[in-house]
Amino acid sequence: MPVRVNALDHIVINVADEARSTEWYRKILGMEVKVFDPGPGKTPRTSLVFGNQKINVRPREADTVEWFTADHIAAGSDDLCFLTASTPDEVVAHLKANGVAIEEGPVAKQGARGTLRSVYCRDPDGSLIEISSYEDGTK
Protein backbone atom coordinates (compact mmCIF):
# COMPACT_ATOMS: atom_id res chain seq x y z
CA MET A 1 0.00 0.00 0.00
CA PRO A 2 1.42 3.42 -0.88
CA VAL A 3 2.11 6.00 1.79
CA ARG A 4 -0.69 8.56 2.11
CA VAL A 5 -0.41 11.67 4.21
CA ASN A 6 -3.49 12.87 6.06
CA ALA A 7 -2.57 16.22 7.61
CA LEU A 8 -0.08 19.05 7.63
CA ASP A 9 1.83 19.39 10.90
CA HIS A 10 4.03 22.42 10.25
CA ILE A 11 5.70 24.48 7.58
CA VAL A 12 8.76 26.71 7.63
CA ILE A 13 8.77 30.26 6.32
CA ASN A 14 11.91 32.24 5.58
CA VAL A 15 11.91 35.81 6.85
CA ALA A 16 14.22 38.81 6.66
CA ASP A 17 13.42 40.06 10.18
CA GLU A 18 12.23 37.42 12.65
CA ALA A 19 10.92 39.89 15.28
CA ARG A 20 9.01 41.98 12.73
CA SER A 21 7.46 38.93 11.10
CA THR A 22 6.44 37.16 14.29
CA GLU A 23 4.86 40.36 15.62
CA TRP A 24 2.89 40.75 12.38
CA TYR A 25 1.56 37.18 12.51
CA ARG A 26 0.72 37.61 16.22
CA LYS A 27 -1.06 40.93 15.78
CA ILE A 28 -2.73 40.42 12.40
CA LEU A 29 -3.54 36.69 12.47
CA GLY A 30 -3.72 36.06 16.23
CA MET A 31 -0.99 33.42 16.28
CA GLU A 32 0.91 32.58 19.45
CA VAL A 33 4.68 33.11 19.31
CA LYS A 34 6.69 30.33 20.97
CA VAL A 35 10.41 29.68 21.25
CA PHE A 36 11.49 26.04 21.36
CA ASP A 37 14.72 24.13 21.80
CA PRO A 38 15.54 21.99 18.74
CA GLY A 39 18.12 19.96 20.64
CA PRO A 40 21.69 20.02 21.94
CA GLY A 41 24.05 22.38 20.16
CA LYS A 42 21.32 24.00 18.06
CA THR A 43 20.04 27.56 18.13
CA PRO A 44 16.60 28.09 19.74
CA ARG A 45 13.85 28.42 17.15
CA THR A 46 10.74 30.54 16.98
CA SER A 47 7.38 29.23 15.87
CA LEU A 48 3.90 30.60 15.32
CA VAL A 49 1.23 28.34 16.78
CA PHE A 50 -2.45 28.29 15.79
CA GLY A 51 -5.02 25.50 16.08
CA ASN A 52 -3.18 22.18 15.76
CA GLN A 53 -0.49 23.59 13.47
CA LYS A 54 2.63 25.65 13.64
CA ILE A 55 4.86 27.66 11.37
CA ASN A 56 8.57 27.60 12.11
CA VAL A 57 10.12 30.99 11.42
CA ARG A 58 13.56 30.74 9.84
CA PRO A 59 15.67 33.89 9.65
CA ARG A 60 17.10 34.27 6.16
CA GLU A 61 20.67 34.34 7.55
CA ALA A 62 20.25 31.15 9.62
CA ASP A 63 22.76 28.35 9.17
CA THR A 64 21.40 26.11 6.39
CA VAL A 65 23.21 23.04 7.70
CA GLU A 66 21.77 23.41 11.19
CA TRP A 67 18.30 24.11 9.82
CA PHE A 68 18.38 21.37 7.14
CA THR A 69 16.51 23.51 4.62
CA ALA A 70 15.16 23.54 1.12
CA ASP A 71 17.61 24.26 -1.69
CA HIS A 72 16.21 27.68 -2.61
CA ILE A 73 15.68 29.97 0.35
CA ALA A 74 14.02 33.36 -0.13
CA ALA A 75 12.09 35.53 2.28
CA GLY A 76 8.76 36.60 0.83
CA SER A 77 8.30 33.65 -1.52
CA ASP A 78 5.38 31.97 0.25
CA ASP A 79 1.69 31.84 -0.65
CA LEU A 80 -0.25 30.79 2.44
CA CYS A 81 -3.98 30.34 3.01
CA PHE A 82 -5.37 30.48 6.54
CA LEU A 83 -8.92 29.64 7.61
CA THR A 84 -10.84 31.85 10.02
CA ALA A 85 -14.26 31.83 11.67
CA SER A 86 -14.45 35.58 10.97
CA THR A 87 -16.52 36.86 8.07
CA PRO A 88 -14.79 38.42 5.07
CA ASP A 89 -16.12 41.83 6.13
CA GLU A 90 -14.60 41.34 9.60
CA VAL A 91 -11.28 40.38 8.01
CA VAL A 92 -11.33 43.49 5.81
CA ALA A 93 -12.16 45.74 8.79
CA HIS A 94 -9.39 44.17 10.90
CA LEU A 95 -6.77 44.54 8.17
CA LYS A 96 -7.74 48.15 7.50
CA ALA A 97 -7.74 48.98 11.22
CA ASN A 98 -4.17 47.66 11.43
CA GLY A 99 -2.93 49.45 8.32
CA VAL A 100 -2.55 46.30 6.24
CA ALA A 101 -3.19 46.85 2.53
CA ILE A 102 -5.70 44.52 0.91
CA GLU A 103 -4.41 43.04 -2.35
CA GLU A 104 -7.74 41.49 -3.37
CA GLY A 105 -11.06 40.47 -1.93
CA PRO A 106 -13.30 39.37 -0.66
CA VAL A 107 -13.43 36.98 -3.61
CA ALA A 108 -14.63 33.42 -4.15
CA LYS A 109 -11.84 30.83 -4.41
CA GLN A 110 -11.69 27.06 -4.49
CA GLY A 111 -10.47 25.57 -1.21
CA ALA A 112 -9.68 21.99 -0.24
CA ARG A 113 -13.28 21.34 0.86
CA GLY A 114 -15.34 23.75 -1.23
CA THR A 115 -15.80 27.42 -1.99
CA LEU A 116 -13.91 29.94 0.10
CA ARG A 117 -14.48 33.67 0.55
CA SER A 118 -10.93 35.03 0.61
CA VAL A 119 -9.18 38.29 1.42
CA TYR A 120 -5.56 38.68 0.30
CA CYS A 121 -2.80 40.76 1.87
CA ARG A 122 0.98 40.52 2.25
CA ASP A 123 3.17 39.82 5.27
CA PRO A 124 6.19 42.05 6.03
CA ASP A 125 8.38 40.12 3.55
CA GLY A 126 5.84 40.25 0.75
CA SER A 127 4.53 36.69 1.00
CA LEU A 128 0.94 36.45 -0.18
CA ILE A 129 -1.45 35.76 2.70
CA GLU A 130 -4.98 34.53 1.99
CA ILE A 131 -7.42 34.77 4.92
CA SER A 132 -10.49 32.68 4.16
CA SER A 133 -13.71 31.24 5.42
CA TYR A 134 -15.86 28.57 3.82
CA GLU A 135 -19.13 29.86 2.38
CA ASP A 136 -21.07 27.14 4.18
CA GLY A 137 -19.53 28.13 7.53
CA THR A 138 -17.40 24.98 8.02
CA LYS A 139 -14.01 25.47 9.64
C-alpha atoms as a PDB file:
ATOM      1  CA  MET A   1       0.000   0.000   0.000  1.00  0.00           C
ATOM      2  CA  PRO A   2       1.416   3.422  -0.878  1.00  0.00           C
ATOM      3  CA  VAL A   3       2.111   6.004   1.789  1.00  0.00           C
ATOM      4  CA  ARG A   4      -0.693   8.562   2.109  1.00  0.00           C
ATOM      5  CA  VAL A   5      -0.405  11.669   4.210  1.00  0.00           C
ATOM      6  CA  ASN A   6      -3.489  12.865   6.064  1.00  0.00           C
ATOM      7  CA  ALA A   7      -2.568  16.218   7.606  1.00  0.00           C
ATOM      8  CA  LEU A   8      -0.076  19.050   7.627  1.00  0.00           C
ATOM      9  CA  ASP A   9       1.834  19.390  10.897  1.00  0.00           C
ATOM     10  CA  HIS A  10       4.035  22.419  10.251  1.00  0.00           C
ATOM     11  CA  ILE A  11       5.703  24.476   7.580  1.00  0.00           C
ATOM     12  CA  VAL A  12       8.761  26.715   7.632  1.00  0.00           C
ATOM     13  CA  ILE A  13       8.768  30.258   6.316  1.00  0.00           C
ATOM     14  CA  ASN A  14      11.910  32.240   5.584  1.00  0.00           C
ATOM     15  CA  VAL A  15      11.908  35.813   6.849  1.00  0.00           C
ATOM     16  CA  ALA A  16      14.220  38.808   6.663  1.00  0.00           C
ATOM     17  CA  ASP A  17      13.419  40.060  10.183  1.00  0.00           C
ATOM     18  CA  GLU A  18      12.230  37.423  12.654  1.00  0.00           C
ATOM     19  CA  ALA A  19      10.918  39.891  15.278  1.00  0.00           C
ATOM     20  CA  ARG A  20       9.014  41.982  12.734  1.00  0.00           C
ATOM     21  CA  SER A  21       7.463  38.930  11.095  1.00  0.00           C
ATOM     22  CA  THR A  22       6.444  37.157  14.287  1.00  0.00           C
ATOM     23  CA  GLU A  23       4.860  40.357  15.620  1.00  0.00           C
ATOM     24  CA  TRP A  24       2.885  40.751  12.384  1.00  0.00           C
ATOM     25  CA  TYR A  25       1.556  37.176  12.512  1.00  0.00           C
ATOM     26  CA  ARG A  26       0.716  37.614  16.219  1.00  0.00           C
ATOM     27  CA  LYS A  27      -1.059  40.930  15.779  1.00  0.00           C
ATOM     28  CA  ILE A  28      -2.732  40.416  12.398  1.00  0.00           C
ATOM     29  CA  LEU A  29      -3.539  36.687  12.474  1.00  0.00           C
ATOM     30  CA  GLY A  30      -3.720  36.061  16.225  1.00  0.00           C
ATOM     31  CA  MET A  31      -0.993  33.419  16.285  1.00  0.00           C
ATOM     32  CA  GLU A  32       0.913  32.584  19.450  1.00  0.00           C
ATOM     33  CA  VAL A  33       4.680  33.111  19.310  1.00  0.00           C
ATOM     34  CA  LYS A  34       6.688  30.330  20.970  1.00  0.00           C
ATOM     35  CA  VAL A  35      10.411  29.679  21.250  1.00  0.00           C
ATOM     36  CA  PHE A  36      11.486  26.043  21.365  1.00  0.00           C
ATOM     37  CA  ASP A  37      14.716  24.126  21.802  1.00  0.00           C
ATOM     38  CA  PRO A  38      15.537  21.993  18.736  1.00  0.00           C
ATOM     39  CA  GLY A  39      18.119  19.961  20.643  1.00  0.00           C
ATOM     40  CA  PRO A  40      21.692  20.018  21.937  1.00  0.00           C
ATOM     41  CA  GLY A  41      24.050  22.384  20.157  1.00  0.00           C
ATOM     42  CA  LYS A  42      21.321  24.004  18.064  1.00  0.00           C
ATOM     43  CA  THR A  43      20.044  27.557  18.129  1.00  0.00           C
ATOM     44  CA  PRO A  44      16.599  28.094  19.737  1.00  0.00           C
ATOM     45  CA  ARG A  45      13.847  28.417  17.155  1.00  0.00           C
ATOM     46  CA  THR A  46      10.743  30.536  16.977  1.00  0.00           C
ATOM     47  CA  SER A  47       7.383  29.229  15.870  1.00  0.00           C
ATOM     48  CA  LEU A  48       3.904  30.596  15.320  1.00  0.00           C
ATOM     49  CA  VAL A  49       1.227  28.341  16.778  1.00  0.00           C
ATOM     50  CA  PHE A  50      -2.454  28.285  15.794  1.00  0.00           C
ATOM     51  CA  GLY A  51      -5.020  25.500  16.081  1.00  0.00           C
ATOM     52  CA  ASN A  52      -3.178  22.177  15.757  1.00  0.00           C
ATOM     53  CA  GLN A  53      -0.493  23.587  13.472  1.00  0.00           C
ATOM     54  CA  LYS A  54       2.625  25.647  13.636  1.00  0.00           C
ATOM     55  CA  ILE A  55       4.858  27.658  11.372  1.00  0.00           C
ATOM     56  CA  ASN A  56       8.571  27.597  12.114  1.00  0.00           C
ATOM     57  CA  VAL A  57      10.123  30.988  11.417  1.00  0.00           C
ATOM     58  CA  ARG A  58      13.559  30.742   9.837  1.00  0.00           C
ATOM     59  CA  PRO A  59      15.672  33.892   9.651  1.00  0.00           C
ATOM     60  CA  ARG A  60      17.099  34.271   6.157  1.00  0.00           C
ATOM     61  CA  GLU A  61      20.667  34.341   7.545  1.00  0.00           C
ATOM     62  CA  ALA A  62      20.253  31.150   9.619  1.00  0.00           C
ATOM     63  CA  ASP A  63      22.764  28.351   9.166  1.00  0.00           C
ATOM     64  CA  THR A  64      21.400  26.114   6.394  1.00  0.00           C
ATOM     65  CA  VAL A  65      23.210  23.035   7.702  1.00  0.00           C
ATOM     66  CA  GLU A  66      21.773  23.408  11.190  1.00  0.00           C
ATOM     67  CA  TRP A  67      18.300  24.108   9.825  1.00  0.00           C
ATOM     68  CA  PHE A  68      18.376  21.374   7.138  1.00  0.00           C
ATOM     69  CA  THR A  69      16.510  23.510   4.619  1.00  0.00           C
ATOM     70  CA  ALA A  70      15.159  23.541   1.119  1.00  0.00           C
ATOM     71  CA  ASP A  71      17.607  24.259  -1.688  1.00  0.00           C
ATOM     72  CA  HIS A  72      16.212  27.678  -2.612  1.00  0.00           C
ATOM     73  CA  ILE A  73      15.679  29.975   0.350  1.00  0.00           C
ATOM     74  CA  ALA A  74      14.024  33.359  -0.128  1.00  0.00           C
ATOM     75  CA  ALA A  75      12.086  35.530   2.282  1.00  0.00           C
ATOM     76  CA  GLY A  76       8.760  36.598   0.830  1.00  0.00           C
ATOM     77  CA  SER A  77       8.299  33.651  -1.520  1.00  0.00           C
ATOM     78  CA  ASP A  78       5.381  31.969   0.252  1.00  0.00           C
ATOM     79  CA  ASP A  79       1.694  31.843  -0.647  1.00  0.00           C
ATOM     80  CA  LEU A  80      -0.252  30.789   2.440  1.00  0.00           C
ATOM     81  CA  CYS A  81      -3.980  30.336   3.011  1.00  0.00           C
ATOM     82  CA  PHE A  82      -5.373  30.478   6.542  1.00  0.00           C
ATOM     83  CA  LEU A  83      -8.918  29.640   7.614  1.00  0.00           C
ATOM     84  CA  THR A  84     -10.845  31.849  10.017  1.00  0.00           C
ATOM     85  CA  ALA A  85     -14.258  31.833  11.669  1.00  0.00           C
ATOM     86  CA  SER A  86     -14.450  35.581  10.975  1.00  0.00           C
ATOM     87  CA  THR A  87     -16.523  36.864   8.073  1.00  0.00           C
ATOM     88  CA  PRO A  88     -14.786  38.415   5.068  1.00  0.00           C
ATOM     89  CA  ASP A  89     -16.125  41.831   6.135  1.00  0.00           C
ATOM     90  CA  GLU A  90     -14.602  41.345   9.599  1.00  0.00           C
ATOM     91  CA  VAL A  91     -11.279  40.382   8.006  1.00  0.00           C
ATOM     92  CA  VAL A  92     -11.328  43.490   5.805  1.00  0.00           C
ATOM     93  CA  ALA A  93     -12.158  45.739   8.788  1.00  0.00           C
ATOM     94  CA  HIS A  94      -9.389  44.174  10.898  1.00  0.00           C
ATOM     95  CA  LEU A  95      -6.766  44.538   8.171  1.00  0.00           C
ATOM     96  CA  LYS A  96      -7.744  48.152   7.496  1.00  0.00           C
ATOM     97  CA  ALA A  97      -7.738  48.983  11.224  1.00  0.00           C
ATOM     98  CA  ASN A  98      -4.174  47.656  11.430  1.00  0.00           C
ATOM     99  CA  GLY A  99      -2.931  49.450   8.321  1.00  0.00           C
ATOM    100  CA  VAL A 100      -2.548  46.297   6.241  1.00  0.00           C
ATOM    101  CA  ALA A 101      -3.194  46.848   2.535  1.00  0.00           C
ATOM    102  CA  ILE A 102      -5.700  44.519   0.909  1.00  0.00           C
ATOM    103  CA  GLU A 103      -4.414  43.036  -2.347  1.00  0.00           C
ATOM    104  CA  GLU A 104      -7.737  41.488  -3.371  1.00  0.00           C
ATOM    105  CA  GLY A 105     -11.055  40.473  -1.932  1.00  0.00           C
ATOM    106  CA  PRO A 106     -13.299  39.373  -0.661  1.00  0.00           C
ATOM    107  CA  VAL A 107     -13.433  36.978  -3.609  1.00  0.00           C
ATOM    108  CA  ALA A 108     -14.635  33.417  -4.153  1.00  0.00           C
ATOM    109  CA  LYS A 109     -11.837  30.830  -4.413  1.00  0.00           C
ATOM    110  CA  GLN A 110     -11.691  27.056  -4.492  1.00  0.00           C
ATOM    111  CA  GLY A 111     -10.473  25.571  -1.212  1.00  0.00           C
ATOM    112  CA  ALA A 112      -9.684  21.990  -0.239  1.00  0.00           C
ATOM    113  CA  ARG A 113     -13.283  21.342   0.857  1.00  0.00           C
ATOM    114  CA  GLY A 114     -15.336  23.747  -1.233  1.00  0.00           C
ATOM    115  CA  THR A 115     -15.797  27.423  -1.993  1.00  0.00           C
ATOM    116  CA  LEU A 116     -13.908  29.940   0.103  1.00  0.00           C
ATOM    117  CA  ARG A 117     -14.479  33.665   0.548  1.00  0.00           C
ATOM    118  CA  SER A 118     -10.927  35.028   0.610  1.00  0.00           C
ATOM    119  CA  VAL A 119      -9.182  38.286   1.415  1.00  0.00           C
ATOM    120  CA  TYR A 120      -5.557  38.684   0.300  1.00  0.00           C
ATOM    121  CA  CYS A 121      -2.799  40.762   1.872  1.00  0.00           C
ATOM    122  CA  ARG A 122       0.977  40.518   2.245  1.00  0.00           C
ATOM    123  CA  ASP A 123       3.168  39.823   5.273  1.00  0.00           C
ATOM    124  CA  PRO A 124       6.193  42.049   6.034  1.00  0.00           C
ATOM    125  CA  ASP A 125       8.381  40.120   3.555  1.00  0.00           C
ATOM    126  CA  GLY A 126       5.840  40.251   0.753  1.00  0.00           C
ATOM    127  CA  SER A 127       4.527  36.687   1.000  1.00  0.00           C
ATOM    128  CA  LEU A 128       0.941  36.451  -0.179  1.00  0.00           C
ATOM    129  CA  ILE A 129      -1.448  35.762   2.705  1.00  0.00           C
ATOM    130  CA  GLU A 130      -4.976  34.528   1.995  1.00  0.00           C
ATOM    131  CA  ILE A 131      -7.423  34.772   4.921  1.00  0.00           C
ATOM    132  CA  SER A 132     -10.487  32.681   4.157  1.00  0.00           C
ATOM    133  CA  SER A 133     -13.712  31.239   5.417  1.00  0.00           C
ATOM    134  CA  TYR A 134     -15.855  28.566   3.822  1.00  0.00           C
ATOM    135  CA  GLU A 135     -19.126  29.862   2.384  1.00  0.00           C
ATOM    136  CA  ASP A 136     -21.066  27.139   4.182  1.00  0.00           C
ATOM    137  CA  GLY A 137     -19.527  28.126   7.529  1.00  0.00           C
ATOM    138  CA  THR A 138     -17.405  24.982   8.025  1.00  0.00           C
ATOM    139  CA  LYS A 139     -14.007  25.467   9.641  1.00  0.00           C
END
